[in-house]
Each structure stands twice: as structure tokens, then as C-alpha cells.
N, C-alpha and C. Protein backbone atom coordinates (compact mmCIF):
# COMPACT_ATOMS: atom_id res chain seq x y z
N MET A 1 88.71 55.27 62.49
CA MET A 1 87.71 54.37 61.96
C MET A 1 88.42 53.32 61.12
N THR A 2 88.05 52.09 61.32
CA THR A 2 88.63 50.99 60.57
C THR A 2 87.67 50.55 59.49
N ALA A 3 88.17 50.52 58.27
CA ALA A 3 87.33 50.09 57.15
C ALA A 3 86.96 48.62 57.32
N LYS A 4 85.69 48.31 57.13
CA LYS A 4 85.20 46.94 57.24
C LYS A 4 85.04 46.30 55.88
N LEU A 5 84.73 47.12 54.91
CA LEU A 5 84.41 46.62 53.58
C LEU A 5 84.55 47.77 52.60
N ASN A 6 85.01 47.49 51.41
CA ASN A 6 85.06 48.49 50.34
C ASN A 6 83.90 48.22 49.40
N PRO A 7 82.83 49.02 49.48
CA PRO A 7 81.66 48.74 48.64
C PRO A 7 81.96 48.86 47.15
N TYR A 8 82.95 49.67 46.79
CA TYR A 8 83.32 49.81 45.37
C TYR A 8 83.94 48.53 44.84
N ALA A 9 84.64 47.78 45.69
CA ALA A 9 85.21 46.50 45.28
C ALA A 9 84.17 45.38 45.37
N ALA A 10 83.31 45.44 46.37
CA ALA A 10 82.33 44.38 46.60
C ALA A 10 81.20 44.39 45.56
N ALA A 11 80.78 45.56 45.14
CA ALA A 11 79.67 45.68 44.18
C ALA A 11 79.97 46.82 43.21
N PRO A 12 80.98 46.66 42.35
CA PRO A 12 81.47 47.77 41.53
C PRO A 12 80.42 48.40 40.62
N GLN A 13 79.62 47.61 39.95
CA GLN A 13 78.65 48.19 39.01
C GLN A 13 77.55 48.94 39.75
N LEU A 14 77.06 48.36 40.83
CA LEU A 14 76.03 49.05 41.61
C LEU A 14 76.57 50.36 42.19
N MET A 15 77.79 50.33 42.69
CA MET A 15 78.38 51.55 43.26
C MET A 15 78.64 52.60 42.18
N LYS A 16 79.02 52.16 40.99
CA LYS A 16 79.19 53.10 39.88
C LYS A 16 77.86 53.76 39.55
N ASN A 17 76.80 52.97 39.49
CA ASN A 17 75.46 53.51 39.20
C ASN A 17 74.98 54.41 40.34
N TRP A 18 75.22 53.98 41.59
CA TRP A 18 74.81 54.77 42.75
C TRP A 18 75.54 56.11 42.77
N THR A 19 76.83 56.10 42.49
CA THR A 19 77.61 57.34 42.46
C THR A 19 77.09 58.27 41.37
N ALA A 20 76.80 57.72 40.19
CA ALA A 20 76.26 58.54 39.09
C ALA A 20 74.91 59.14 39.48
N THR A 21 74.06 58.35 40.11
CA THR A 21 72.76 58.85 40.57
C THR A 21 72.95 59.95 41.61
N SER A 22 73.87 59.73 42.54
CA SER A 22 74.15 60.72 43.58
C SER A 22 74.58 62.05 42.97
N LEU A 23 75.48 62.00 42.01
CA LEU A 23 75.96 63.22 41.36
C LEU A 23 74.85 63.93 40.61
N LEU A 24 74.00 63.16 39.94
CA LEU A 24 72.87 63.74 39.22
C LEU A 24 71.91 64.45 40.17
N VAL A 25 71.60 63.80 41.28
CA VAL A 25 70.70 64.41 42.28
C VAL A 25 71.35 65.66 42.87
N ASN A 26 72.63 65.58 43.22
CA ASN A 26 73.31 66.71 43.84
C ASN A 26 73.37 67.92 42.91
N ASP A 27 73.41 67.69 41.62
CA ASP A 27 73.47 68.78 40.65
C ASP A 27 72.11 69.36 40.31
N SER A 28 71.05 68.88 40.96
CA SER A 28 69.69 69.31 40.60
C SER A 28 69.27 70.62 41.26
N LEU A 29 70.00 71.06 42.29
CA LEU A 29 69.73 72.33 42.98
C LEU A 29 71.03 73.10 43.14
N GLU A 30 70.93 74.34 43.61
CA GLU A 30 72.13 75.17 43.75
C GLU A 30 73.13 74.52 44.71
N ALA A 31 74.39 74.55 44.30
CA ALA A 31 75.46 73.81 44.98
C ALA A 31 75.61 74.21 46.45
N GLY A 32 75.55 75.49 46.77
CA GLY A 32 75.72 75.93 48.15
C GLY A 32 74.64 75.38 49.07
N LEU A 33 73.42 75.40 48.61
CA LEU A 33 72.30 74.87 49.38
C LEU A 33 72.47 73.37 49.60
N VAL A 34 72.85 72.67 48.55
CA VAL A 34 73.04 71.22 48.64
C VAL A 34 74.12 70.89 49.67
N GLU A 35 75.22 71.63 49.67
CA GLU A 35 76.29 71.36 50.64
C GLU A 35 75.82 71.60 52.07
N LEU A 36 75.06 72.67 52.29
CA LEU A 36 74.53 72.92 53.64
C LEU A 36 73.65 71.76 54.10
N VAL A 37 72.80 71.30 53.22
CA VAL A 37 71.90 70.18 53.55
C VAL A 37 72.71 68.92 53.84
N LYS A 38 73.71 68.64 53.02
CA LYS A 38 74.52 67.44 53.23
C LYS A 38 75.30 67.53 54.55
N ILE A 39 75.81 68.69 54.88
CA ILE A 39 76.52 68.85 56.15
C ILE A 39 75.56 68.64 57.31
N ARG A 40 74.40 69.29 57.26
CA ARG A 40 73.47 69.20 58.38
C ARG A 40 72.97 67.77 58.58
N ALA A 41 72.62 67.09 57.51
CA ALA A 41 72.17 65.70 57.62
C ALA A 41 73.28 64.84 58.22
N SER A 42 74.50 65.07 57.77
CA SER A 42 75.64 64.29 58.26
C SER A 42 75.93 64.59 59.73
N GLN A 43 75.72 65.83 60.16
CA GLN A 43 75.87 66.16 61.58
C GLN A 43 74.87 65.37 62.41
N ILE A 44 73.62 65.37 61.99
CA ILE A 44 72.58 64.67 62.74
C ILE A 44 72.87 63.18 62.79
N ASN A 45 73.33 62.62 61.67
CA ASN A 45 73.61 61.19 61.60
C ASN A 45 74.97 60.82 62.20
N GLY A 46 75.78 61.82 62.54
CA GLY A 46 77.08 61.56 63.15
C GLY A 46 78.09 60.93 62.20
N CYS A 47 78.06 61.34 60.94
CA CYS A 47 78.96 60.76 59.94
C CYS A 47 80.19 61.65 59.75
N ALA A 48 81.28 61.29 60.42
CA ALA A 48 82.52 62.08 60.34
C ALA A 48 83.04 62.16 58.91
N ASN A 49 82.99 61.05 58.17
CA ASN A 49 83.46 61.04 56.79
C ASN A 49 82.74 62.10 55.96
N CYS A 50 81.43 62.12 56.04
CA CYS A 50 80.65 63.04 55.21
C CYS A 50 80.76 64.48 55.70
N ILE A 51 80.85 64.68 57.01
CA ILE A 51 81.06 66.04 57.53
C ILE A 51 82.39 66.57 57.02
N ASN A 52 83.43 65.77 57.12
CA ASN A 52 84.76 66.16 56.64
C ASN A 52 84.71 66.51 55.15
N MET A 53 84.14 65.65 54.38
CA MET A 53 84.10 65.83 52.93
C MET A 53 83.28 67.06 52.53
N HIS A 54 82.10 67.20 53.09
CA HIS A 54 81.20 68.26 52.62
C HIS A 54 81.53 69.63 53.20
N THR A 55 82.14 69.70 54.37
CA THR A 55 82.60 71.01 54.84
C THR A 55 83.77 71.48 53.97
N ALA A 56 84.66 70.56 53.60
CA ALA A 56 85.77 70.92 52.71
C ALA A 56 85.26 71.36 51.35
N GLU A 57 84.28 70.64 50.81
CA GLU A 57 83.73 71.00 49.51
C GLU A 57 82.97 72.33 49.58
N ALA A 58 82.28 72.57 50.68
CA ALA A 58 81.57 73.85 50.84
C ALA A 58 82.57 75.01 50.87
N ARG A 59 83.65 74.84 51.61
CA ARG A 59 84.69 75.88 51.64
C ARG A 59 85.26 76.13 50.25
N GLU A 60 85.52 75.06 49.55
CA GLU A 60 86.08 75.17 48.20
C GLU A 60 85.13 75.92 47.26
N ARG A 61 83.83 75.79 47.51
CA ARG A 61 82.83 76.48 46.69
C ARG A 61 82.56 77.91 47.20
N GLY A 62 83.31 78.33 48.21
CA GLY A 62 83.20 79.70 48.68
C GLY A 62 82.31 79.93 49.88
N GLU A 63 81.84 78.85 50.51
CA GLU A 63 81.00 79.02 51.70
C GLU A 63 81.84 79.62 52.82
N HIS A 64 81.23 80.52 53.59
CA HIS A 64 81.91 81.19 54.69
C HIS A 64 82.02 80.27 55.89
N GLU A 65 83.15 80.36 56.57
CA GLU A 65 83.40 79.55 57.76
C GLU A 65 82.30 79.73 58.80
N GLN A 66 81.87 80.96 59.00
CA GLN A 66 80.85 81.24 60.01
C GLN A 66 79.59 80.41 59.75
N ARG A 67 79.16 80.34 58.50
CA ARG A 67 77.94 79.60 58.17
C ARG A 67 78.14 78.09 58.35
N ILE A 68 79.33 77.62 58.12
CA ILE A 68 79.61 76.20 58.35
C ILE A 68 79.59 75.92 59.85
N TYR A 69 80.27 76.77 60.64
CA TYR A 69 80.34 76.58 62.09
C TYR A 69 78.97 76.68 62.76
N LEU A 70 78.11 77.54 62.25
CA LEU A 70 76.81 77.76 62.88
C LEU A 70 75.72 76.80 62.41
N LEU A 71 76.05 75.94 61.50
CA LEU A 71 75.03 75.08 60.91
C LEU A 71 74.28 74.22 61.93
N SER A 72 74.97 73.75 62.95
CA SER A 72 74.27 72.92 63.95
C SER A 72 73.29 73.73 64.79
N ALA A 73 73.39 75.05 64.74
CA ALA A 73 72.46 75.93 65.47
C ALA A 73 71.81 76.91 64.50
N TRP A 74 71.48 76.45 63.32
CA TRP A 74 70.98 77.33 62.26
C TRP A 74 69.70 78.07 62.64
N GLN A 75 68.87 77.49 63.51
CA GLN A 75 67.60 78.16 63.87
C GLN A 75 67.84 79.50 64.56
N GLU A 76 68.94 79.60 65.32
CA GLU A 76 69.24 80.82 66.06
C GLU A 76 70.20 81.75 65.32
N ALA A 77 70.78 81.29 64.24
CA ALA A 77 71.79 82.08 63.53
C ALA A 77 71.14 82.91 62.42
N PRO A 78 71.45 84.21 62.34
CA PRO A 78 70.79 85.08 61.37
C PRO A 78 71.39 85.03 59.96
N CYS A 79 72.37 84.18 59.71
CA CYS A 79 73.12 84.23 58.46
C CYS A 79 72.57 83.34 57.34
N TYR A 80 71.41 82.72 57.54
CA TYR A 80 70.84 81.85 56.52
C TYR A 80 69.58 82.48 55.92
N SER A 81 69.41 82.31 54.63
CA SER A 81 68.23 82.86 53.94
C SER A 81 66.99 82.04 54.31
N GLU A 82 65.84 82.57 53.97
CA GLU A 82 64.58 81.85 54.23
C GLU A 82 64.55 80.54 53.45
N ARG A 83 65.07 80.55 52.25
CA ARG A 83 65.13 79.33 51.43
C ARG A 83 66.04 78.29 52.10
N GLU A 84 67.18 78.73 52.59
CA GLU A 84 68.09 77.81 53.28
C GLU A 84 67.45 77.28 54.57
N ARG A 85 66.77 78.15 55.30
CA ARG A 85 66.11 77.72 56.53
C ARG A 85 65.04 76.67 56.24
N ALA A 86 64.28 76.88 55.17
CA ALA A 86 63.26 75.90 54.79
C ALA A 86 63.91 74.56 54.43
N ALA A 87 65.01 74.61 53.71
CA ALA A 87 65.71 73.38 53.32
C ALA A 87 66.27 72.67 54.55
N LEU A 88 66.83 73.42 55.48
CA LEU A 88 67.41 72.82 56.68
C LEU A 88 66.32 72.24 57.59
N ALA A 89 65.19 72.92 57.69
CA ALA A 89 64.08 72.39 58.48
C ALA A 89 63.55 71.09 57.87
N TRP A 90 63.44 71.06 56.54
CA TRP A 90 62.98 69.85 55.86
C TRP A 90 64.01 68.72 56.04
N THR A 91 65.27 69.07 55.97
CA THR A 91 66.33 68.08 56.19
C THR A 91 66.18 67.46 57.58
N GLU A 92 66.05 68.28 58.58
CA GLU A 92 65.93 67.77 59.95
C GLU A 92 64.67 66.94 60.11
N ALA A 93 63.57 67.38 59.53
CA ALA A 93 62.31 66.63 59.65
C ALA A 93 62.45 65.23 59.04
N LEU A 94 63.07 65.13 57.88
CA LEU A 94 63.19 63.83 57.23
C LEU A 94 64.24 62.94 57.88
N ILE A 95 65.37 63.52 58.28
CA ILE A 95 66.42 62.72 58.92
C ILE A 95 65.93 62.20 60.27
N ARG A 96 65.05 62.93 60.92
CA ARG A 96 64.57 62.54 62.25
C ARG A 96 63.18 61.91 62.23
N LEU A 97 62.79 61.32 61.14
CA LEU A 97 61.46 60.71 61.04
C LEU A 97 61.21 59.67 62.13
N SER A 98 62.24 58.97 62.53
CA SER A 98 62.04 57.94 63.57
C SER A 98 61.70 58.56 64.92
N GLU A 99 62.01 59.84 65.10
CA GLU A 99 61.72 60.53 66.36
C GLU A 99 60.32 61.14 66.36
N SER A 100 59.84 61.55 65.18
CA SER A 100 58.54 62.22 65.11
C SER A 100 58.07 62.33 63.67
N HIS A 101 56.80 62.18 63.49
CA HIS A 101 56.21 62.40 62.18
C HIS A 101 55.52 63.77 62.12
N ASN A 102 55.89 64.64 63.01
CA ASN A 102 55.33 65.99 63.07
C ASN A 102 56.19 66.92 62.21
N HIS A 103 55.96 66.89 60.90
CA HIS A 103 56.78 67.68 59.98
C HIS A 103 55.96 68.68 59.16
N GLU A 104 54.75 68.95 59.60
CA GLU A 104 53.87 69.86 58.85
C GLU A 104 54.44 71.28 58.76
N ALA A 105 54.98 71.81 59.84
CA ALA A 105 55.54 73.17 59.81
C ALA A 105 56.74 73.22 58.86
N ALA A 106 57.55 72.18 58.87
CA ALA A 106 58.70 72.12 57.96
C ALA A 106 58.21 72.06 56.52
N TYR A 107 57.14 71.30 56.27
CA TYR A 107 56.62 71.22 54.90
C TYR A 107 56.03 72.56 54.45
N GLU A 108 55.35 73.24 55.34
CA GLU A 108 54.79 74.55 54.98
C GLU A 108 55.89 75.53 54.59
N ALA A 109 56.98 75.55 55.34
CA ALA A 109 58.12 76.42 55.01
C ALA A 109 58.74 76.00 53.68
N LEU A 110 58.86 74.69 53.47
CA LEU A 110 59.40 74.16 52.22
C LEU A 110 58.54 74.60 51.03
N ALA A 111 57.24 74.42 51.16
CA ALA A 111 56.32 74.75 50.06
C ALA A 111 56.32 76.24 49.74
N ALA A 112 56.61 77.07 50.73
CA ALA A 112 56.66 78.51 50.51
C ALA A 112 57.92 78.94 49.75
N GLN A 113 58.97 78.14 49.81
CA GLN A 113 60.25 78.53 49.23
C GLN A 113 60.66 77.72 48.00
N PHE A 114 60.07 76.56 47.81
CA PHE A 114 60.48 75.65 46.74
C PHE A 114 59.29 75.25 45.89
N THR A 115 59.51 75.16 44.58
CA THR A 115 58.48 74.63 43.68
C THR A 115 58.29 73.16 44.00
N GLN A 116 57.23 72.56 43.48
CA GLN A 116 57.02 71.14 43.72
C GLN A 116 58.18 70.31 43.17
N GLU A 117 58.69 70.67 42.01
CA GLU A 117 59.82 69.95 41.45
C GLU A 117 61.05 70.09 42.35
N GLU A 118 61.30 71.29 42.85
CA GLU A 118 62.43 71.50 43.75
C GLU A 118 62.25 70.74 45.06
N GLN A 119 61.01 70.61 45.53
CA GLN A 119 60.74 69.84 46.75
C GLN A 119 61.17 68.38 46.56
N VAL A 120 60.86 67.83 45.40
CA VAL A 120 61.27 66.46 45.10
C VAL A 120 62.78 66.38 45.02
N LYS A 121 63.39 67.33 44.33
CA LYS A 121 64.86 67.33 44.20
C LYS A 121 65.53 67.41 45.56
N LEU A 122 65.06 68.31 46.42
CA LEU A 122 65.65 68.45 47.75
C LEU A 122 65.46 67.18 48.57
N THR A 123 64.29 66.58 48.48
CA THR A 123 64.02 65.35 49.21
C THR A 123 64.95 64.24 48.74
N LEU A 124 65.23 64.19 47.45
CA LEU A 124 66.18 63.20 46.93
C LEU A 124 67.59 63.48 47.43
N VAL A 125 67.99 64.77 47.48
CA VAL A 125 69.31 65.12 48.02
C VAL A 125 69.43 64.61 49.46
N ILE A 126 68.41 64.84 50.25
CA ILE A 126 68.41 64.41 51.65
C ILE A 126 68.51 62.89 51.75
N ASN A 127 67.76 62.20 50.92
CA ASN A 127 67.80 60.73 50.94
C ASN A 127 69.15 60.19 50.49
N VAL A 128 69.75 60.82 49.50
CA VAL A 128 71.05 60.36 49.02
C VAL A 128 72.12 60.54 50.10
N ILE A 129 72.17 61.71 50.73
CA ILE A 129 73.20 61.90 51.76
C ILE A 129 72.94 60.98 52.95
N ALA A 130 71.69 60.76 53.29
CA ALA A 130 71.39 59.83 54.40
C ALA A 130 71.90 58.42 54.06
N ALA A 131 71.75 58.01 52.82
CA ALA A 131 72.24 56.69 52.41
C ALA A 131 73.77 56.65 52.45
N TRP A 132 74.42 57.72 51.98
CA TRP A 132 75.89 57.77 52.06
C TRP A 132 76.36 57.76 53.51
N ASN A 133 75.65 58.46 54.39
CA ASN A 133 76.00 58.43 55.82
C ASN A 133 75.98 56.99 56.33
N ARG A 134 74.96 56.26 55.96
CA ARG A 134 74.82 54.89 56.44
C ARG A 134 75.89 53.97 55.84
N MET A 135 76.24 54.21 54.59
CA MET A 135 77.31 53.43 53.96
C MET A 135 78.64 53.72 54.67
N ALA A 136 78.93 55.00 54.87
CA ALA A 136 80.20 55.39 55.48
C ALA A 136 80.32 54.89 56.91
N ILE A 137 79.27 55.08 57.70
CA ILE A 137 79.30 54.64 59.09
C ILE A 137 79.30 53.11 59.16
N GLY A 138 78.43 52.49 58.40
CA GLY A 138 78.29 51.04 58.45
C GLY A 138 79.55 50.29 58.05
N PHE A 139 80.20 50.77 57.00
CA PHE A 139 81.38 50.09 56.48
C PHE A 139 82.70 50.71 56.91
N GLY A 140 82.65 51.74 57.76
CA GLY A 140 83.87 52.37 58.23
C GLY A 140 84.63 53.08 57.12
N MET A 141 83.90 53.70 56.20
CA MET A 141 84.55 54.36 55.06
C MET A 141 85.16 55.69 55.48
N TRP A 142 86.30 56.00 54.91
CA TRP A 142 86.92 57.31 55.04
C TRP A 142 87.50 57.65 53.68
N LEU A 143 86.88 58.60 53.01
CA LEU A 143 87.30 58.97 51.66
C LEU A 143 87.94 60.35 51.68
N GLU A 144 89.05 60.47 51.03
CA GLU A 144 89.69 61.77 50.84
C GLU A 144 89.35 62.26 49.44
N THR A 145 89.01 63.51 49.35
CA THR A 145 88.72 64.14 48.06
C THR A 145 89.77 65.21 47.80
N ASP A 146 89.73 65.79 46.62
CA ASP A 146 90.65 66.90 46.33
C ASP A 146 90.49 68.01 47.37
N ALA A 147 89.23 68.29 47.73
CA ALA A 147 88.97 69.37 48.70
C ALA A 147 89.54 69.05 50.07
N THR A 148 89.41 67.81 50.54
CA THR A 148 89.95 67.47 51.87
C THR A 148 91.47 67.43 51.83
N ARG A 149 92.04 66.99 50.73
CA ARG A 149 93.50 66.96 50.61
C ARG A 149 94.08 68.38 50.63
N LYS A 150 93.40 69.30 49.98
CA LYS A 150 93.85 70.70 49.97
C LYS A 150 93.83 71.28 51.38
N LEU A 151 92.80 70.98 52.15
CA LEU A 151 92.73 71.46 53.54
C LEU A 151 93.86 70.87 54.37
N GLN A 152 94.14 69.60 54.19
CA GLN A 152 95.24 68.96 54.93
C GLN A 152 96.58 69.57 54.57
N ALA A 153 96.77 69.84 53.29
CA ALA A 153 98.04 70.42 52.84
C ALA A 153 98.23 71.84 53.39
N ALA A 154 97.13 72.57 53.54
CA ALA A 154 97.20 73.95 54.03
C ALA A 154 97.45 74.01 55.54
N ALA A 155 97.13 72.92 56.23
CA ALA A 155 97.23 72.91 57.70
C ALA A 155 98.63 72.83 58.21
């Protein structure tokens, strides 16, 4: 991927504020759940940068390889909790809004597992990662983090 633009150089204050908002939103729910949601949204959106970053961060936080590998087929995999399944279904429903507005079943599962405040927090997490996917894909971004560097060094 060839970088087209560095948004941090082009709009430094906005990107600083956006990054701070992103971190605040990401810290609003349990870290493992947030990483699964970010990976799944990034898979659907085809964002290699974000898949690379968030799978490395999930591993660093102790996520099992099996759960990372099975994430694209989470509906058939028995290794996710009901809360995780509800979050992943809601993620898919929102990321795929252009394909269908039939998200009632996903909302019912969400409402059964998450408080109203948590529903808002999760929805913000999904929106933030979707925006990062679009920034990374649109501008050809490839960011290395401590977690991705550690994986490269171990390889």
C-alpha cells in the first residue's frame, strides 16, 4: 500500500483530537470485546492496516489465536460468549447498513446483553473503527505499533 497523505501532518490538531476521542471510546468497554469488534469490523471493511494492528493488540492482551482465526466465522464457532456474539452481530449489522436495514434481531441480542449505556458505547466503538478503516484505506495508511513490531521481531 502506498501512502497518499499523512492525516497527522495535514490536520494535526483535528487528528490529535480524533485520536484522543478514539482512545476514550475504546476504553469505555472491556478491552477484549473491543478488540474483537475492531477486528471484525476491519475484516468486513477490508482494512489490512487495522486488521494487522488489532490482531496484534488482541494477542498482546492475551486473546487466544483460535478466537482471532475464527472471528470471520464467529456464528458457527462455539468459543464466543453470548455477550461477544451480541456485540459481533451488532457490529456486522451496523457495518453492513448499506446492504440491509434489517437489524432488529441483532438489536434484540444487543439489548439482552448490554445496558443502554453500553449499547451507546459499543455503537461508538463500531463507528470509530469504521472511520479509522476509511482513513487507513482512503489514505493508504500503514501504522506500526509496539504490538505489531513485537510480532515482526518474533517472526
